[in-house]
């Protein structure tokens, strides 16, 4: 899975502030970009608390403080490589309490059927 190189989260004081920052960033990008640079556009214009611009190797999120606290994108970004490792693990190698929603009896029965194979 390919990730961007830089992930920037910016807080704004109002919806108008978010839009002003995002529009200014797009204006600067268009002035500086080369033909080989990816096309970028502002996403989330219809929302009041979040905007995003994907520049290819850089993704910038503009958020009101409340939304930033709710979504905790910084935490998601730091867990990215850890989550990739989890998808490659088999359930047998995960700790017993990691498998949510199963009783201890169901987990034991599942591990017994895996041992038979």
N, C-alpha and C. Protein backbone atom coordinates (compact mmCIF):
# COMPACT_ATOMS: atom_id res chain seq x y z
N UNK A 1 0.85 -1.16 0.00
CA UNK A 1 0.00 0.00 0.00
C UNK A 1 0.90 1.23 0.00
N UNK A 2 0.58 2.19 -0.83
CA UNK A 2 1.40 3.39 -0.95
C UNK A 2 0.76 4.54 -0.18
N UNK A 3 1.58 5.21 0.63
CA UNK A 3 1.13 6.35 1.39
C UNK A 3 1.79 7.61 0.84
N UNK A 4 1.27 8.75 1.27
CA UNK A 4 1.93 10.00 0.90
C UNK A 4 3.16 10.18 1.79
N UNK A 5 4.04 11.06 1.39
CA UNK A 5 5.26 11.30 2.16
C UNK A 5 5.01 12.23 3.34
N UNK A 6 4.10 13.16 3.17
CA UNK A 6 3.80 14.14 4.22
C UNK A 6 2.31 14.25 4.42
N UNK A 7 1.91 14.36 5.67
CA UNK A 7 0.52 14.42 6.07
C UNK A 7 0.41 15.62 7.01
N UNK A 8 -0.27 16.67 6.58
CA UNK A 8 -0.32 17.91 7.34
C UNK A 8 -1.75 18.15 7.80
N UNK A 9 -1.92 18.45 9.07
CA UNK A 9 -3.23 18.76 9.62
C UNK A 9 -3.17 20.19 10.14
N UNK A 10 -4.07 21.04 9.63
CA UNK A 10 -4.09 22.45 9.95
C UNK A 10 -5.40 22.78 10.65
N UNK A 11 -5.34 23.54 11.73
CA UNK A 11 -6.55 24.00 12.41
C UNK A 11 -6.89 25.41 11.98
N UNK A 12 -8.17 25.65 11.81
CA UNK A 12 -8.65 26.99 11.50
C UNK A 12 -9.65 27.43 12.55
N UNK A 13 -9.89 28.73 12.64
CA UNK A 13 -10.77 29.25 13.68
C UNK A 13 -12.23 29.33 13.25
N UNK A 14 -12.51 29.20 11.96
CA UNK A 14 -13.89 29.24 11.46
C UNK A 14 -13.93 28.57 10.09
N UNK A 15 -15.13 28.32 9.61
CA UNK A 15 -15.30 27.75 8.27
C UNK A 15 -14.69 28.67 7.22
N UNK A 16 -14.93 29.94 7.38
CA UNK A 16 -14.38 30.92 6.43
C UNK A 16 -12.85 30.90 6.45
N UNK A 17 -12.27 30.75 7.62
CA UNK A 17 -10.81 30.66 7.75
C UNK A 17 -10.28 29.42 7.04
N UNK A 18 -10.95 28.27 7.21
CA UNK A 18 -10.54 27.03 6.53
C UNK A 18 -10.53 27.22 5.02
N UNK A 19 -11.62 27.79 4.50
CA UNK A 19 -11.72 27.99 3.05
C UNK A 19 -10.66 28.97 2.55
N UNK A 20 -10.39 30.02 3.31
CA UNK A 20 -9.38 30.99 2.90
C UNK A 20 -8.00 30.35 2.83
N UNK A 21 -7.65 29.54 3.84
CA UNK A 21 -6.35 28.86 3.84
C UNK A 21 -6.23 27.87 2.69
N UNK A 22 -7.28 27.08 2.46
CA UNK A 22 -7.25 26.08 1.38
C UNK A 22 -7.17 26.75 0.02
N UNK A 23 -7.94 27.80 -0.18
CA UNK A 23 -7.90 28.51 -1.46
C UNK A 23 -6.55 29.17 -1.70
N UNK A 24 -5.95 29.71 -0.66
CA UNK A 24 -4.62 30.31 -0.79
C UNK A 24 -3.58 29.24 -1.15
N UNK A 25 -3.68 28.09 -0.49
CA UNK A 25 -2.74 27.01 -0.79
C UNK A 25 -2.88 26.54 -2.23
N UNK A 26 -4.11 26.43 -2.72
CA UNK A 26 -4.33 26.03 -4.11
C UNK A 26 -3.77 27.08 -5.07
N UNK A 27 -3.95 28.35 -4.74
CA UNK A 27 -3.43 29.43 -5.58
C UNK A 27 -1.90 29.35 -5.66
N UNK A 28 -1.25 29.13 -4.53
CA UNK A 28 0.21 29.02 -4.51
C UNK A 28 0.68 27.78 -5.27
N UNK A 29 -0.05 26.68 -5.11
CA UNK A 29 0.30 25.45 -5.81
C UNK A 29 0.23 25.64 -7.32
N UNK A 30 -0.84 26.27 -7.79
CA UNK A 30 -1.00 26.50 -9.22
C UNK A 30 0.09 27.40 -9.79
N UNK A 31 0.55 28.36 -8.98
CA UNK A 31 1.64 29.24 -9.43
C UNK A 31 2.98 28.51 -9.49
N UNK A 32 3.20 27.55 -8.60
CA UNK A 32 4.49 26.87 -8.48
C UNK A 32 4.56 25.53 -9.20
N UNK A 33 3.43 24.93 -9.50
CA UNK A 33 3.44 23.55 -10.02
C UNK A 33 4.04 23.47 -11.43
N UNK A 34 4.59 22.30 -11.69
CA UNK A 34 5.13 22.00 -13.00
C UNK A 34 4.15 21.08 -13.73
N UNK A 35 4.34 20.91 -15.01
CA UNK A 35 3.43 20.07 -15.81
C UNK A 35 3.36 18.64 -15.30
N UNK A 36 4.46 18.14 -14.74
CA UNK A 36 4.49 16.76 -14.27
C UNK A 36 3.85 16.58 -12.90
N UNK A 37 3.56 17.67 -12.18
CA UNK A 37 2.94 17.58 -10.86
C UNK A 37 1.48 17.16 -10.99
N UNK A 38 0.98 16.42 -9.98
CA UNK A 38 -0.41 15.95 -10.08
C UNK A 38 -1.42 17.10 -9.99
N UNK A 39 -2.57 16.85 -10.56
CA UNK A 39 -3.67 17.81 -10.48
C UNK A 39 -4.25 17.74 -9.07
N UNK A 40 -4.47 18.86 -8.46
CA UNK A 40 -5.01 18.89 -7.10
C UNK A 40 -6.30 19.70 -7.08
N UNK A 41 -7.18 19.35 -6.16
CA UNK A 41 -8.40 20.11 -5.98
C UNK A 41 -8.81 20.03 -4.51
N UNK A 42 -9.63 20.98 -4.11
CA UNK A 42 -10.10 21.02 -2.73
C UNK A 42 -11.28 20.07 -2.59
N UNK A 43 -11.19 19.17 -1.62
CA UNK A 43 -12.29 18.24 -1.31
C UNK A 43 -12.98 18.71 -0.03
N UNK A 44 -14.27 18.44 0.08
CA UNK A 44 -15.01 18.77 1.29
C UNK A 44 -15.59 20.17 1.31
N UNK A 45 -15.70 20.79 0.15
CA UNK A 45 -16.22 22.17 0.10
C UNK A 45 -17.63 22.28 0.67
N UNK A 46 -18.38 21.18 0.64
CA UNK A 46 -19.75 21.21 1.13
C UNK A 46 -19.85 21.05 2.65
N UNK A 47 -18.74 20.80 3.32
CA UNK A 47 -18.75 20.63 4.77
C UNK A 47 -18.38 21.94 5.46
N UNK A 48 -18.69 22.02 6.74
CA UNK A 48 -18.39 23.22 7.52
C UNK A 48 -17.12 23.10 8.35
N UNK A 49 -16.64 21.88 8.55
CA UNK A 49 -15.54 21.70 9.51
C UNK A 49 -14.29 21.01 8.97
N UNK A 50 -14.25 20.69 7.65
CA UNK A 50 -13.10 19.96 7.12
C UNK A 50 -12.94 20.21 5.62
N UNK A 51 -11.72 20.42 5.21
CA UNK A 51 -11.35 20.49 3.79
C UNK A 51 -10.07 19.67 3.63
N UNK A 52 -9.82 19.19 2.44
CA UNK A 52 -8.62 18.40 2.19
C UNK A 52 -8.11 18.67 0.79
N UNK A 53 -6.78 18.73 0.66
CA UNK A 53 -6.15 18.83 -0.65
C UNK A 53 -5.10 17.73 -0.73
N UNK A 54 -5.20 16.90 -1.77
CA UNK A 54 -4.24 15.83 -2.02
C UNK A 54 -3.32 16.29 -3.14
N UNK A 55 -2.07 16.55 -2.78
CA UNK A 55 -1.08 16.99 -3.76
C UNK A 55 -0.23 15.81 -4.27
N UNK A 56 -0.64 14.60 -3.99
CA UNK A 56 0.13 13.43 -4.40
C UNK A 56 1.01 12.96 -3.26
N UNK A 57 2.18 13.52 -3.12
CA UNK A 57 3.08 13.11 -2.04
C UNK A 57 2.80 13.86 -0.74
N UNK A 58 1.94 14.87 -0.80
CA UNK A 58 1.56 15.65 0.38
C UNK A 58 0.04 15.75 0.44
N UNK A 59 -0.53 15.46 1.61
CA UNK A 59 -1.96 15.62 1.83
C UNK A 59 -2.13 16.62 2.96
N UNK A 60 -2.97 17.63 2.73
CA UNK A 60 -3.21 18.67 3.74
C UNK A 60 -4.69 18.64 4.13
N UNK A 61 -4.95 18.49 5.43
CA UNK A 61 -6.31 18.54 5.98
C UNK A 61 -6.46 19.85 6.73
N UNK A 62 -7.54 20.57 6.45
CA UNK A 62 -7.88 21.82 7.13
C UNK A 62 -9.11 21.51 7.98
N UNK A 63 -9.00 21.67 9.29
CA UNK A 63 -10.10 21.26 10.17
C UNK A 63 -10.34 22.28 11.27
N UNK A 64 -11.60 22.39 11.68
CA UNK A 64 -11.92 23.14 12.88
C UNK A 64 -11.43 22.32 14.08
N UNK A 65 -11.07 22.95 15.18
CA UNK A 65 -10.54 22.20 16.33
C UNK A 65 -11.46 21.07 16.80
N UNK A 66 -12.77 21.28 16.76
CA UNK A 66 -13.71 20.24 17.20
C UNK A 66 -13.60 19.00 16.32
N UNK A 67 -13.54 19.20 15.01
CA UNK A 67 -13.42 18.08 14.07
C UNK A 67 -12.07 17.41 14.22
N UNK A 68 -11.05 18.19 14.43
CA UNK A 68 -9.70 17.62 14.60
C UNK A 68 -9.66 16.72 15.82
N UNK A 69 -10.33 17.15 16.89
CA UNK A 69 -10.40 16.33 18.10
C UNK A 69 -11.22 15.08 17.89
N UNK A 70 -12.28 15.17 17.11
CA UNK A 70 -13.16 14.03 16.87
C UNK A 70 -12.48 12.96 16.03
N UNK A 71 -11.84 13.36 14.93
CA UNK A 71 -11.28 12.40 13.99
C UNK A 71 -9.87 11.95 14.32
N UNK A 72 -9.12 12.72 15.07
CA UNK A 72 -7.77 12.36 15.51
C UNK A 72 -6.92 11.79 14.37
N UNK A 73 -6.84 12.52 13.27
CA UNK A 73 -6.10 12.04 12.10
C UNK A 73 -4.62 11.78 12.40
N UNK A 74 -4.06 12.53 13.32
CA UNK A 74 -2.66 12.31 13.67
C UNK A 74 -2.46 10.89 14.18
N UNK A 75 -3.40 10.42 14.99
CA UNK A 75 -3.32 9.06 15.53
C UNK A 75 -3.46 8.03 14.42
N UNK A 76 -4.39 8.26 13.49
CA UNK A 76 -4.58 7.35 12.37
C UNK A 76 -3.31 7.23 11.53
N UNK A 77 -2.67 8.35 11.29
CA UNK A 77 -1.45 8.35 10.49
C UNK A 77 -0.35 7.55 11.17
N UNK A 78 -0.20 7.70 12.48
CA UNK A 78 0.88 6.99 13.18
C UNK A 78 0.60 5.50 13.25
N UNK A 79 -0.66 5.08 13.14
CA UNK A 79 -0.99 3.65 13.18
C UNK A 79 -0.94 2.99 11.81
N UNK A 80 -0.74 3.74 10.75
CA UNK A 80 -0.79 3.21 9.40
C UNK A 80 0.04 1.97 9.17
N UNK A 81 1.32 2.03 9.45
CA UNK A 81 2.17 0.86 9.20
C UNK A 81 1.83 -0.28 10.15
N UNK A 82 1.39 0.04 11.36
CA UNK A 82 0.98 -0.99 12.31
C UNK A 82 -0.25 -1.73 11.79
N UNK A 83 -1.24 -0.98 11.24
CA UNK A 83 -2.42 -1.60 10.68
C UNK A 83 -2.08 -2.49 9.49
N UNK A 84 -1.13 -2.08 8.66
CA UNK A 84 -0.70 -2.90 7.54
C UNK A 84 -0.14 -4.23 8.03
N UNK A 85 0.61 -4.19 9.11
CA UNK A 85 1.17 -5.42 9.68
C UNK A 85 0.06 -6.32 10.20
N UNK A 86 -0.97 -5.73 10.82
CA UNK A 86 -2.07 -6.53 11.34
C UNK A 86 -2.81 -7.27 10.24
N UNK A 87 -2.97 -6.67 9.07
CA UNK A 87 -3.70 -7.32 7.99
C UNK A 87 -2.95 -8.54 7.47
N UNK A 88 -1.65 -8.58 7.69
CA UNK A 88 -0.85 -9.71 7.21
C UNK A 88 -0.73 -10.82 8.24
N UNK A 89 -1.20 -10.57 9.45
CA UNK A 89 -1.10 -11.57 10.51
C UNK A 89 -2.26 -12.55 10.43
N UNK A 90 -2.02 -13.78 10.77
CA UNK A 90 -3.09 -14.76 10.86
C UNK A 90 -3.73 -14.65 12.24
N UNK A 91 -4.98 -15.06 12.37
CA UNK A 91 -5.66 -14.95 13.66
C UNK A 91 -4.98 -15.80 14.73
N UNK A 92 -4.30 -16.87 14.33
CA UNK A 92 -3.63 -17.71 15.31
C UNK A 92 -2.47 -16.97 15.99
N UNK A 93 -1.87 -16.01 15.30
CA UNK A 93 -0.72 -15.32 15.89
C UNK A 93 -1.12 -14.08 16.69
N UNK A 94 -2.42 -13.73 16.67
CA UNK A 94 -2.89 -12.59 17.45
C UNK A 94 -3.12 -13.00 18.90
N UNK A 95 -2.95 -12.09 19.83
CA UNK A 95 -3.23 -12.41 21.24
C UNK A 95 -4.68 -12.84 21.42
N UNK A 96 -4.95 -13.66 22.42
CA UNK A 96 -6.29 -14.20 22.64
C UNK A 96 -7.32 -13.09 22.81
N UNK A 97 -6.98 -12.04 23.53
CA UNK A 97 -7.95 -10.98 23.80
C UNK A 97 -8.10 -10.01 22.63
N UNK A 98 -7.36 -10.20 21.55
CA UNK A 98 -7.43 -9.31 20.40
C UNK A 98 -8.67 -9.58 19.55
N UNK A 99 -9.15 -10.82 19.55
CA UNK A 99 -10.30 -11.20 18.73
C UNK A 99 -11.55 -10.79 19.49
N UNK A 100 -12.14 -9.67 19.09
CA UNK A 100 -13.29 -9.12 19.79
C UNK A 100 -14.57 -9.85 19.42
N UNK A 101 -15.49 -9.92 20.37
CA UNK A 101 -16.80 -10.46 20.10
C UNK A 101 -16.92 -11.96 20.27
N UNK A 102 -15.83 -12.65 20.55
CA UNK A 102 -15.88 -14.09 20.76
C UNK A 102 -15.70 -14.40 22.23
N UNK A 103 -16.43 -15.35 22.72
CA UNK A 103 -16.22 -15.80 24.09
C UNK A 103 -14.95 -16.62 24.15
N UNK A 104 -14.45 -16.84 25.32
CA UNK A 104 -13.24 -17.66 25.48
C UNK A 104 -13.46 -19.06 24.93
N UNK A 105 -14.67 -19.61 25.12
CA UNK A 105 -14.99 -20.95 24.61
C UNK A 105 -14.93 -20.96 23.09
N UNK A 106 -15.50 -19.94 22.41
CA UNK A 106 -15.48 -19.88 20.95
C UNK A 106 -14.05 -19.73 20.44
N UNK A 107 -13.25 -18.92 21.14
CA UNK A 107 -11.85 -18.75 20.74
C UNK A 107 -11.11 -20.08 20.87
N UNK A 108 -11.35 -20.81 21.97
CA UNK A 108 -10.68 -22.08 22.19
C UNK A 108 -11.09 -23.09 21.12
N UNK A 109 -12.40 -23.14 20.81
CA UNK A 109 -12.89 -24.06 19.77
C UNK A 109 -12.28 -23.71 18.42
N UNK A 110 -12.16 -22.40 18.11
CA UNK A 110 -11.56 -21.98 16.85
C UNK A 110 -10.11 -22.36 16.76
N UNK A 111 -9.39 -22.24 17.89
CA UNK A 111 -7.98 -22.60 17.86
C UNK A 111 -7.79 -24.11 17.74
N UNK A 112 -8.73 -24.89 18.29
CA UNK A 112 -8.66 -26.33 18.17
C UNK A 112 -8.86 -26.79 16.73
N UNK A 113 -9.81 -26.13 16.03
CA UNK A 113 -10.05 -26.52 14.63
C UNK A 113 -8.85 -26.14 13.78
N UNK A 114 -8.13 -25.06 14.12
CA UNK A 114 -6.95 -24.67 13.36
C UNK A 114 -5.82 -25.65 13.60
N UNK A 115 -5.73 -26.19 14.83
CA UNK A 115 -4.67 -27.14 15.15
C UNK A 115 -4.84 -28.45 14.37
N UNK A 116 -6.07 -28.81 14.02
CA UNK A 116 -6.33 -30.06 13.30
C UNK A 116 -5.90 -29.97 11.84
N UNK A 117 -5.86 -28.73 11.29
CA UNK A 117 -5.52 -28.56 9.86
C UNK A 117 -4.06 -28.56 9.62
